[in-house]
Every structure is written in structure tokens, then in C-alpha cells.
Amino acid sequence: MLPTVNDGHVVLCRHKRVADREQLAMATLPPLAVTSEDRVVLEGWLRARTTQQRLVQRARVALLMADGASNAEAARTVGLRAKAAGRWRRRFQRDGIDGLGDLPRSGRRDTPQFWERAADVCGLYLNPPVNTLALSVDKKTAIAARSPNTPPSRSHRDSPPAANSTTDATPPPA
């Protein structure tokens, strides 16, 4: 549908079918089912000063949805996108309070095999077998150990001579 001009102002109109679909989508989401026990836990997260802010935000979303707010309304109130609010709705419906936590991240995990190998290597250094030499190779040999309070020093080649230095080996006059 084209925009209409009314008293010199352009008014943008949505197509009726789009508006009907939006109303239908908002009307079909029931309030989030939160048990009284879960509500106590969620409200406790909101009051506690030590709760991580991402959990506070998720708890607020769940409580707003339990009180009848749509995904978009809860997202707007809390400062999220509607898609994220919908994710927390689905995860809470599926997993309850546990659904509001972080999922495990991908990446390398510490494994028992690592710690077993580390213990074996340390054991070789602490108690080497007879007639053996244990050596260590550091992969980061180019990194110099420096104190965070001490800036890197310049090499003598790069530094200019001092203002009162002499170029010969004769001592300064007394």
C-alpha cells in the first residue's frame, strides 16, 4: 500500500494482511507458565547483588512473560531483541530455571589424559630414572620475562650517547 499525504505529512500505512498477522502472532502466545517456586527463585535473582547481570536480565524476561508480556514487549523493557527474548521463552518452557543458564561452550576442554601426562612429565623432572638427562624445551623462547612495571629497555646500539659522555677512554678531569 502506498503512503498517504495528510496535511502535508506523509503517513506510512501497513498492509492490512501484515497488521492482521502481527496481531495474530501476538495473540497466540500465552503467558509463560512459571511455578510459584520458580517465581521465588527468579525474584531472588533480581534482588541479589551477586547475581550475574545476564541472569538478572533473563529472569526479568521470564517474569515479564509470566505476567503476560509478549516477546517484543519483554525485549523492549529489558533491552534485548525480540528474537533473544523468544529464545529465553523457549528455553524456560523446555528446561525451566536451568534453561536460563549458559549452554556449554565449544573449544578445548581439560581432559583427564592431559593431567595424567602432566603428572608423568613432572615426575620425570622430580625423580628422573638413573643415568638419564631430563631437558625442557620452551616454545616461547622469543618472549622475554619482564615485570609489568618495568618498560622494555633499549639496546645500547639503539640508544643515543649520554650528553656528558666522552668518546675516548680518558677519565674526566678532576
N, C-alpha and C. Protein backbone atom coordinates (compact mmCIF):
# COMPACT_ATOMS: atom_id res chain seq x y z
N MET A 1 0.85 -1.17 0.00
CA MET A 1 0.00 0.00 0.00
C MET A 1 0.90 1.23 0.00
N LEU A 2 0.54 2.24 -0.74
CA LEU A 2 1.33 3.45 -0.85
C LEU A 2 1.09 4.36 0.34
N PRO A 3 2.09 5.21 0.67
CA PRO A 3 1.89 6.17 1.76
C PRO A 3 0.88 7.22 1.34
N THR A 4 0.14 7.73 2.29
CA THR A 4 -0.84 8.78 2.01
C THR A 4 -0.34 10.10 2.56
N VAL A 5 -0.75 11.20 1.93
CA VAL A 5 -0.35 12.53 2.37
C VAL A 5 -1.54 13.15 3.08
N ASN A 6 -1.31 13.60 4.31
CA ASN A 6 -2.40 14.18 5.09
C ASN A 6 -1.87 15.49 5.68
N ASP A 7 -2.39 16.62 5.27
CA ASP A 7 -1.97 17.93 5.74
C ASP A 7 -0.47 18.15 5.58
N GLY A 8 0.08 17.71 4.48
CA GLY A 8 1.49 17.91 4.22
C GLY A 8 2.40 16.90 4.89
N HIS A 9 1.88 16.00 5.70
CA HIS A 9 2.67 14.98 6.37
C HIS A 9 2.49 13.65 5.68
N VAL A 10 3.55 12.91 5.55
CA VAL A 10 3.47 11.59 4.96
C VAL A 10 3.15 10.60 6.07
N VAL A 11 2.13 9.79 5.84
CA VAL A 11 1.73 8.78 6.80
C VAL A 11 1.97 7.42 6.16
N LEU A 12 2.83 6.62 6.78
CA LEU A 12 3.10 5.30 6.26
C LEU A 12 2.07 4.32 6.80
N CYS A 13 1.52 3.52 5.91
CA CYS A 13 0.50 2.55 6.32
C CYS A 13 1.01 1.14 6.05
N ARG A 14 0.69 0.24 6.94
CA ARG A 14 1.00 -1.16 6.72
C ARG A 14 -0.18 -1.80 6.01
N HIS A 15 0.16 -2.80 5.26
CA HIS A 15 -0.90 -3.53 4.59
C HIS A 15 -1.74 -4.24 5.63
N LYS A 16 -3.03 -4.34 5.41
CA LYS A 16 -3.94 -4.92 6.39
C LYS A 16 -3.55 -6.37 6.73
N ARG A 17 -3.13 -7.13 5.71
CA ARG A 17 -2.77 -8.52 5.99
C ARG A 17 -1.57 -8.60 6.93
N VAL A 18 -0.58 -7.70 6.78
CA VAL A 18 0.58 -7.70 7.66
C VAL A 18 0.16 -7.36 9.08
N ALA A 19 -0.68 -6.35 9.22
CA ALA A 19 -1.14 -5.96 10.55
C ALA A 19 -1.94 -7.08 11.20
N ASP A 20 -2.77 -7.77 10.42
CA ASP A 20 -3.56 -8.88 10.96
C ASP A 20 -2.64 -10.02 11.44
N ARG A 21 -1.60 -10.31 10.66
CA ARG A 21 -0.67 -11.38 11.05
C ARG A 21 0.06 -11.01 12.33
N GLU A 22 0.48 -9.73 12.46
CA GLU A 22 1.17 -9.31 13.67
C GLU A 22 0.26 -9.44 14.89
N GLN A 23 -0.99 -9.05 14.76
CA GLN A 23 -1.93 -9.18 15.87
C GLN A 23 -2.16 -10.65 16.21
N LEU A 24 -2.28 -11.48 15.19
CA LEU A 24 -2.50 -12.90 15.41
C LEU A 24 -1.29 -13.52 16.12
N ALA A 25 -0.07 -13.15 15.70
CA ALA A 25 1.13 -13.70 16.32
C ALA A 25 1.22 -13.29 17.78
N MET A 26 0.90 -12.03 18.10
CA MET A 26 0.95 -11.58 19.48
C MET A 26 -0.15 -12.22 20.31
N ALA A 27 -1.28 -12.47 19.71
CA ALA A 27 -2.41 -13.01 20.46
C ALA A 27 -2.24 -14.50 20.75
N THR A 28 -1.41 -15.20 19.99
CA THR A 28 -1.32 -16.65 20.17
C THR A 28 -0.31 -17.06 21.25
N LEU A 29 0.51 -16.14 21.74
CA LEU A 29 1.47 -16.51 22.78
C LEU A 29 0.82 -16.39 24.16
N PRO A 30 0.65 -17.51 24.84
CA PRO A 30 0.09 -17.44 26.19
C PRO A 30 1.16 -16.95 27.16
N PRO A 31 0.74 -16.50 28.34
CA PRO A 31 1.75 -16.13 29.34
C PRO A 31 2.64 -17.34 29.65
N LEU A 32 3.88 -17.06 29.96
CA LEU A 32 4.84 -18.11 30.29
C LEU A 32 4.42 -18.76 31.61
N ALA A 33 4.37 -20.08 31.62
CA ALA A 33 3.98 -20.80 32.83
C ALA A 33 5.17 -20.88 33.78
N VAL A 34 5.08 -20.17 34.90
CA VAL A 34 6.13 -20.14 35.92
C VAL A 34 5.52 -20.61 37.23
N THR A 35 6.10 -21.65 37.81
CA THR A 35 5.58 -22.14 39.09
C THR A 35 5.90 -21.13 40.19
N SER A 36 5.21 -21.25 41.30
CA SER A 36 5.46 -20.33 42.41
C SER A 36 6.89 -20.50 42.94
N GLU A 37 7.41 -21.73 42.93
CA GLU A 37 8.79 -21.96 43.37
C GLU A 37 9.79 -21.29 42.44
N ASP A 38 9.54 -21.42 41.11
CA ASP A 38 10.42 -20.78 40.14
C ASP A 38 10.35 -19.26 40.26
N ARG A 39 9.15 -18.74 40.51
CA ARG A 39 8.99 -17.30 40.66
C ARG A 39 9.81 -16.79 41.85
N VAL A 40 9.81 -17.53 42.94
CA VAL A 40 10.60 -17.14 44.11
C VAL A 40 12.09 -17.09 43.75
N VAL A 41 12.56 -18.08 43.01
CA VAL A 41 13.97 -18.13 42.62
C VAL A 41 14.29 -16.95 41.70
N LEU A 42 13.45 -16.72 40.70
CA LEU A 42 13.70 -15.63 39.75
C LEU A 42 13.69 -14.27 40.44
N GLU A 43 12.75 -14.06 41.32
CA GLU A 43 12.70 -12.78 42.05
C GLU A 43 13.90 -12.65 42.98
N GLY A 44 14.38 -13.76 43.52
CA GLY A 44 15.59 -13.73 44.34
C GLY A 44 16.80 -13.32 43.52
N TRP A 45 16.87 -13.78 42.27
CA TRP A 45 17.97 -13.37 41.38
C TRP A 45 17.93 -11.86 41.16
N LEU A 46 16.72 -11.31 41.03
CA LEU A 46 16.60 -9.86 40.79
C LEU A 46 17.06 -9.06 42.00
N ARG A 47 16.81 -9.54 43.19
CA ARG A 47 17.16 -8.82 44.42
C ARG A 47 18.62 -8.98 44.82
N ALA A 48 19.21 -10.12 44.49
CA ALA A 48 20.58 -10.40 44.94
C ALA A 48 21.58 -9.51 44.22
N ARG A 49 22.54 -9.03 44.96
CA ARG A 49 23.56 -8.16 44.37
C ARG A 49 24.65 -8.95 43.66
N THR A 50 24.75 -10.23 43.95
CA THR A 50 25.82 -11.04 43.38
C THR A 50 25.41 -11.83 42.15
N THR A 51 24.15 -11.72 41.72
CA THR A 51 23.69 -12.45 40.55
C THR A 51 24.31 -11.83 39.30
N GLN A 52 24.79 -12.67 38.40
CA GLN A 52 25.35 -12.18 37.14
C GLN A 52 24.27 -11.42 36.38
N GLN A 53 24.66 -10.33 35.73
CA GLN A 53 23.68 -9.47 35.07
C GLN A 53 22.95 -10.17 33.94
N ARG A 54 23.60 -11.09 33.27
CA ARG A 54 22.89 -11.80 32.20
C ARG A 54 21.77 -12.66 32.77
N LEU A 55 21.96 -13.22 33.99
CA LEU A 55 20.89 -14.00 34.62
C LEU A 55 19.78 -13.08 35.12
N VAL A 56 20.14 -11.90 35.61
CA VAL A 56 19.12 -10.93 36.03
C VAL A 56 18.25 -10.56 34.85
N GLN A 57 18.88 -10.30 33.70
CA GLN A 57 18.14 -9.93 32.50
C GLN A 57 17.21 -11.05 32.06
N ARG A 58 17.69 -12.27 32.09
CA ARG A 58 16.88 -13.43 31.68
C ARG A 58 15.73 -13.66 32.67
N ALA A 59 16.00 -13.46 33.95
CA ALA A 59 14.94 -13.61 34.95
C ALA A 59 13.85 -12.55 34.73
N ARG A 60 14.26 -11.32 34.45
CA ARG A 60 13.27 -10.26 34.19
C ARG A 60 12.41 -10.60 32.98
N VAL A 61 13.04 -11.13 31.92
CA VAL A 61 12.30 -11.53 30.72
C VAL A 61 11.27 -12.60 31.08
N ALA A 62 11.70 -13.62 31.81
CA ALA A 62 10.79 -14.71 32.18
C ALA A 62 9.63 -14.20 33.03
N LEU A 63 9.91 -13.32 34.00
CA LEU A 63 8.84 -12.80 34.86
C LEU A 63 7.88 -11.90 34.08
N LEU A 64 8.41 -11.10 33.17
CA LEU A 64 7.53 -10.26 32.35
C LEU A 64 6.62 -11.12 31.49
N MET A 65 7.17 -12.16 30.90
CA MET A 65 6.38 -13.06 30.06
C MET A 65 5.36 -13.84 30.90
N ALA A 66 5.73 -14.17 32.13
CA ALA A 66 4.79 -14.86 33.02
C ALA A 66 3.62 -13.94 33.36
N ASP A 67 3.88 -12.64 33.37
CA ASP A 67 2.82 -11.67 33.66
C ASP A 67 2.05 -11.26 32.41
N GLY A 68 2.32 -11.93 31.27
CA GLY A 68 1.53 -11.72 30.07
C GLY A 68 2.17 -10.88 28.98
N ALA A 69 3.40 -10.43 29.18
CA ALA A 69 4.08 -9.63 28.16
C ALA A 69 4.45 -10.51 26.97
N SER A 70 4.40 -9.94 25.78
CA SER A 70 4.84 -10.66 24.59
C SER A 70 6.36 -10.66 24.53
N ASN A 71 6.90 -11.41 23.58
CA ASN A 71 8.36 -11.42 23.41
C ASN A 71 8.87 -10.01 23.13
N ALA A 72 8.18 -9.30 22.24
CA ALA A 72 8.62 -7.95 21.86
C ALA A 72 8.53 -6.99 23.04
N GLU A 73 7.46 -7.07 23.82
CA GLU A 73 7.31 -6.17 24.98
C GLU A 73 8.38 -6.45 26.03
N ALA A 74 8.60 -7.72 26.33
CA ALA A 74 9.62 -8.08 27.32
C ALA A 74 11.00 -7.65 26.83
N ALA A 75 11.27 -7.87 25.55
CA ALA A 75 12.57 -7.50 24.99
C ALA A 75 12.78 -5.99 25.06
N ARG A 76 11.78 -5.24 24.71
CA ARG A 76 11.87 -3.77 24.74
C ARG A 76 12.12 -3.28 26.17
N THR A 77 11.43 -3.86 27.14
CA THR A 77 11.56 -3.44 28.53
C THR A 77 12.96 -3.74 29.07
N VAL A 78 13.52 -4.89 28.71
CA VAL A 78 14.79 -5.33 29.26
C VAL A 78 15.98 -4.86 28.44
N GLY A 79 15.75 -4.50 27.18
CA GLY A 79 16.84 -4.05 26.32
C GLY A 79 17.44 -5.16 25.47
N LEU A 80 16.61 -6.12 25.08
CA LEU A 80 17.05 -7.21 24.21
C LEU A 80 16.32 -7.10 22.87
N ARG A 81 16.70 -7.94 21.95
CA ARG A 81 15.94 -8.09 20.71
C ARG A 81 14.84 -9.13 20.96
N ALA A 82 13.77 -9.01 20.21
CA ALA A 82 12.64 -9.93 20.38
C ALA A 82 13.06 -11.38 20.14
N LYS A 83 13.99 -11.59 19.22
CA LYS A 83 14.45 -12.95 18.93
C LYS A 83 15.12 -13.56 20.17
N ALA A 84 15.92 -12.77 20.87
CA ALA A 84 16.59 -13.26 22.09
C ALA A 84 15.57 -13.55 23.18
N ALA A 85 14.58 -12.66 23.33
CA ALA A 85 13.54 -12.89 24.33
C ALA A 85 12.78 -14.18 24.01
N GLY A 86 12.51 -14.41 22.74
CA GLY A 86 11.85 -15.64 22.33
C GLY A 86 12.67 -16.88 22.65
N ARG A 87 14.00 -16.75 22.53
CA ARG A 87 14.89 -17.87 22.86
C ARG A 87 14.76 -18.21 24.34
N TRP A 88 14.73 -17.16 25.21
CA TRP A 88 14.63 -17.42 26.64
C TRP A 88 13.26 -17.98 26.99
N ARG A 89 12.21 -17.59 26.28
CA ARG A 89 10.88 -18.17 26.49
C ARG A 89 10.92 -19.66 26.19
N ARG A 90 11.46 -20.01 25.01
CA ARG A 90 11.50 -21.42 24.61
C ARG A 90 12.35 -22.25 25.57
N ARG A 91 13.51 -21.72 25.95
CA ARG A 91 14.38 -22.49 26.84
C ARG A 91 13.77 -22.65 28.23
N PHE A 92 13.07 -21.62 28.72
CA PHE A 92 12.41 -21.75 30.02
C PHE A 92 11.27 -22.76 29.93
N GLN A 93 10.50 -22.71 28.84
CA GLN A 93 9.41 -23.67 28.67
C GLN A 93 9.95 -25.10 28.64
N ARG A 94 11.09 -25.29 27.99
CA ARG A 94 11.67 -26.62 27.84
C ARG A 94 12.38 -27.11 29.10
N ASP A 95 13.19 -26.22 29.73
CA ASP A 95 14.09 -26.65 30.81
C ASP A 95 13.84 -25.98 32.15
N GLY A 96 12.88 -25.07 32.24
CA GLY A 96 12.64 -24.37 33.49
C GLY A 96 13.77 -23.42 33.82
N ILE A 97 14.07 -23.26 35.11
CA ILE A 97 15.12 -22.35 35.56
C ILE A 97 16.46 -22.69 34.91
N ASP A 98 16.76 -23.97 34.76
CA ASP A 98 18.04 -24.37 34.16
C ASP A 98 18.19 -23.87 32.73
N GLY A 99 17.08 -23.65 32.04
CA GLY A 99 17.14 -23.16 30.67
C GLY A 99 17.65 -21.74 30.55
N LEU A 100 17.67 -20.99 31.65
CA LEU A 100 18.15 -19.61 31.61
C LEU A 100 19.66 -19.52 31.77
N GLY A 101 20.30 -20.62 32.08
CA GLY A 101 21.76 -20.62 32.23
C GLY A 101 22.45 -20.67 30.89
N ASP A 102 23.76 -20.50 30.91
CA ASP A 102 24.56 -20.57 29.69
C ASP A 102 24.72 -22.01 29.25
N LEU A 103 24.71 -22.23 27.95
CA LEU A 103 24.99 -23.55 27.40
C LEU A 103 26.50 -23.76 27.39
N PRO A 104 26.95 -25.01 27.39
CA PRO A 104 28.39 -25.26 27.32
C PRO A 104 28.98 -24.67 26.04
N ARG A 105 30.15 -24.11 26.15
CA ARG A 105 30.84 -23.51 25.01
C ARG A 105 31.68 -24.55 24.30
N SER A 106 31.89 -24.32 23.01
CA SER A 106 32.76 -25.21 22.26
C SER A 106 34.21 -24.83 22.54
N GLY A 107 35.12 -25.68 22.19
CA GLY A 107 36.53 -25.39 22.40
C GLY A 107 37.21 -26.50 23.18
N ARG A 108 38.48 -26.29 23.42
CA ARG A 108 39.27 -27.30 24.11
C ARG A 108 38.88 -27.36 25.58
N ARG A 109 38.73 -28.56 26.06
CA ARG A 109 38.42 -28.76 27.47
C ARG A 109 39.58 -29.50 28.13
N ASP A 110 39.74 -29.26 29.42
CA ASP A 110 40.74 -30.01 30.16
C ASP A 110 40.28 -31.46 30.24
N THR A 111 41.16 -32.33 29.92
CA THR A 111 40.80 -33.75 29.95
C THR A 111 41.64 -34.46 30.99
N PRO A 112 41.15 -35.57 31.50
CA PRO A 112 41.95 -36.34 32.46
C PRO A 112 43.27 -36.80 31.85
N GLN A 113 43.30 -37.08 30.53
CA GLN A 113 44.53 -37.52 29.90
C GLN A 113 45.60 -36.43 30.00
N PHE A 114 45.21 -35.17 29.87
CA PHE A 114 46.18 -34.08 29.98
C PHE A 114 46.84 -34.08 31.34
N TRP A 115 46.02 -34.17 32.38
CA TRP A 115 46.56 -34.12 33.74
C TRP A 115 47.41 -35.34 34.05
N GLU A 116 47.04 -36.50 33.50
CA GLU A 116 47.86 -37.70 33.69
C GLU A 116 49.23 -37.52 33.04
N ARG A 117 49.24 -36.97 31.82
CA ARG A 117 50.50 -36.74 31.12
C ARG A 117 51.34 -35.69 31.85
N ALA A 118 50.68 -34.63 32.32
CA ALA A 118 51.41 -33.59 33.05
C ALA A 118 52.04 -34.16 34.30
N ALA A 119 51.33 -35.03 35.00
CA ALA A 119 51.88 -35.66 36.21
C ALA A 119 53.07 -36.54 35.85
N ASP A 120 52.99 -37.27 34.71
CA ASP A 120 54.11 -38.10 34.28
C ASP A 120 55.34 -37.26 33.97
N VAL A 121 55.14 -36.14 33.25
CA VAL A 121 56.26 -35.27 32.89
C VAL A 121 56.89 -34.66 34.13
N CYS A 122 56.07 -34.18 35.04
CA CYS A 122 56.59 -33.62 36.29
C CYS A 122 57.34 -34.67 37.08
N GLY A 123 56.84 -35.89 37.07
CA GLY A 123 57.51 -36.98 37.77
C GLY A 123 58.89 -37.25 37.21
N LEU A 124 59.06 -37.11 35.87
CA LEU A 124 60.37 -37.31 35.26
C LEU A 124 61.37 -36.27 35.74
N TYR A 125 60.92 -35.04 35.92
CA TYR A 125 61.82 -33.99 36.38
C TYR A 125 62.14 -34.13 37.87
N LEU A 126 61.14 -34.50 38.64
CA LEU A 126 61.35 -34.59 40.08
C LEU A 126 62.11 -35.85 40.49
N ASN A 127 61.89 -36.92 39.74
CA ASN A 127 62.52 -38.19 40.09
C ASN A 127 62.96 -38.89 38.80
N PRO A 128 64.02 -38.37 38.15
CA PRO A 128 64.42 -38.96 36.85
C PRO A 128 65.00 -40.35 37.02
N PRO A 129 64.85 -41.20 36.01
CA PRO A 129 65.48 -42.53 36.06
C PRO A 129 67.00 -42.39 36.10
N VAL A 130 67.67 -43.44 36.56
CA VAL A 130 69.13 -43.45 36.70
C VAL A 130 69.77 -43.32 35.31
N ASN A 131 70.87 -42.53 35.23
CA ASN A 131 71.63 -42.33 34.00
C ASN A 131 70.81 -41.68 32.89
N THR A 132 69.91 -40.78 33.23
CA THR A 132 69.14 -40.05 32.21
C THR A 132 69.28 -38.56 32.45
N LEU A 133 69.01 -37.81 31.41
CA LEU A 133 69.05 -36.35 31.49
C LEU A 133 67.70 -35.84 31.01
N ALA A 134 67.00 -35.12 31.86
CA ALA A 134 65.68 -34.57 31.50
C ALA A 134 65.88 -33.14 31.04
N LEU A 135 65.41 -32.82 29.85
CA LEU A 135 65.52 -31.47 29.29
C LEU A 135 64.13 -30.89 29.07
N SER A 136 64.06 -29.58 29.12
CA SER A 136 62.79 -28.90 28.88
C SER A 136 62.95 -27.97 27.69
N VAL A 137 62.00 -27.94 26.81
CA VAL A 137 62.02 -27.05 25.66
C VAL A 137 60.84 -26.11 25.77
N ASP A 138 61.13 -24.82 25.76
CA ASP A 138 60.09 -23.81 25.86
C ASP A 138 59.73 -23.35 24.46
N LYS A 139 58.45 -23.40 24.11
CA LYS A 139 58.02 -22.99 22.78
C LYS A 139 58.09 -21.48 22.60
N LYS A 140 58.08 -20.73 23.67
CA LYS A 140 58.01 -19.27 23.59
C LYS A 140 59.36 -18.65 23.95
N THR A 141 60.41 -19.07 23.29
CA THR A 141 61.74 -18.58 23.64
C THR A 141 61.95 -17.12 23.27
N ALA A 142 61.17 -16.58 22.34
CA ALA A 142 61.35 -15.19 21.91
C ALA A 142 60.73 -14.20 22.88
N ILE A 143 59.96 -14.66 23.83
CA ILE A 143 59.31 -13.76 24.77
C ILE A 143 60.19 -13.60 25.99
N ALA A 144 60.56 -12.35 26.28
CA ALA A 144 61.40 -12.09 27.45
C ALA A 144 60.51 -11.86 28.66
N ALA A 145 60.95 -12.35 29.79
CA ALA A 145 60.19 -12.15 31.02
C ALA A 145 60.49 -10.76 31.54
N ARG A 146 59.44 -9.96 31.69
CA ARG A 146 59.60 -8.60 32.19
C ARG A 146 58.54 -8.34 33.24
N SER A 147 58.88 -7.47 34.15
CA SER A 147 57.91 -7.04 35.14
C SER A 147 56.94 -6.09 34.46
N PRO A 148 55.66 -6.13 34.82
CA PRO A 148 54.70 -5.21 34.20
C PRO A 148 55.01 -3.75 34.54
N ASN A 149 55.77 -3.50 35.59
CA ASN A 149 56.10 -2.13 35.97
C ASN A 149 57.36 -1.62 35.30
N THR A 150 58.13 -2.52 34.68
CA THR A 150 59.39 -2.14 34.05
C THR A 150 59.22 -2.13 32.54
N PRO A 151 59.39 -0.96 31.92
CA PRO A 151 59.26 -0.93 30.46
C PRO A 151 60.46 -1.63 29.82
N PRO A 152 60.31 -2.09 28.60
CA PRO A 152 61.43 -2.75 27.95
C PRO A 152 62.58 -1.76 27.77
N SER A 153 63.80 -2.22 28.01
CA SER A 153 64.96 -1.33 27.87
C SER A 153 65.45 -1.36 26.43
N ARG A 154 66.02 -0.25 26.02
CA ARG A 154 66.56 -0.17 24.67
C ARG A 154 67.97 -0.75 24.67
N SER A 155 68.35 -1.33 23.56
CA SER A 155 69.70 -1.88 23.49
C SER A 155 70.69 -0.72 23.37
N HIS A 156 71.94 -0.97 23.70
CA HIS A 156 72.96 0.07 23.66
C HIS A 156 73.15 0.60 22.24
N ARG A 157 72.96 -0.25 21.26
CA ARG A 157 73.10 0.17 19.88
C ARG A 157 72.07 1.22 19.50
N ASP A 158 70.85 1.08 20.02
CA ASP A 158 69.75 1.96 19.65
C ASP A 158 69.73 3.26 20.44
N SER A 159 70.39 3.30 21.57
CA SER A 159 70.29 4.48 22.42
C SER A 159 71.36 5.50 22.04
N PRO A 160 71.01 6.79 22.07
CA PRO A 160 71.99 7.82 21.77
C PRO A 160 72.98 7.93 22.92
N PRO A 161 74.17 8.44 22.66
CA PRO A 161 75.13 8.59 23.75
C PRO A 161 74.64 9.62 24.75
N ALA A 162 75.05 9.45 26.00
CA ALA A 162 74.64 10.38 27.05
C ALA A 162 75.28 11.74 26.79
N ALA A 163 74.65 12.80 27.27
CA ALA A 163 75.11 14.15 26.99
C ALA A 163 76.49 14.42 27.60
N ASN A 164 76.81 13.85 28.73
CA ASN A 164 78.09 14.12 29.37
C ASN A 164 79.11 13.02 29.13
N SER A 165 78.88 12.11 28.22
CA SER A 165 79.82 11.03 27.98
C SER A 165 80.90 11.48 27.00
N THR A 166 82.03 10.85 27.11
CA THR A 166 83.13 11.14 26.20
C THR A 166 83.34 9.94 25.32
N THR A 167 83.94 10.17 24.16
CA THR A 167 84.14 9.06 23.24
C THR A 167 85.46 8.35 23.46
N ASP A 168 86.37 8.97 24.19
CA ASP A 168 87.62 8.28 24.46
C ASP A 168 87.60 7.67 25.85
N ALA A 169 88.61 6.91 26.14
CA ALA A 169 88.65 6.19 27.41
C ALA A 169 89.32 6.98 28.51
N THR A 170 89.61 8.26 28.29
CA THR A 170 90.26 9.04 29.32
C THR A 170 89.25 9.44 30.38
N PRO A 171 89.65 9.42 31.62
CA PRO A 171 88.72 9.80 32.68
C PRO A 171 88.45 11.31 32.63
N PRO A 172 87.31 11.75 33.11
CA PRO A 172 87.01 13.19 33.11
C PRO A 172 87.94 13.92 34.06
N PRO A 173 88.18 15.22 33.82
CA PRO A 173 89.07 15.96 34.70
C PRO A 173 88.50 16.04 36.11
N ALA A 174 89.41 16.05 37.07
CA ALA A 174 89.02 16.06 38.48
C ALA A 174 88.76 17.44 39.00
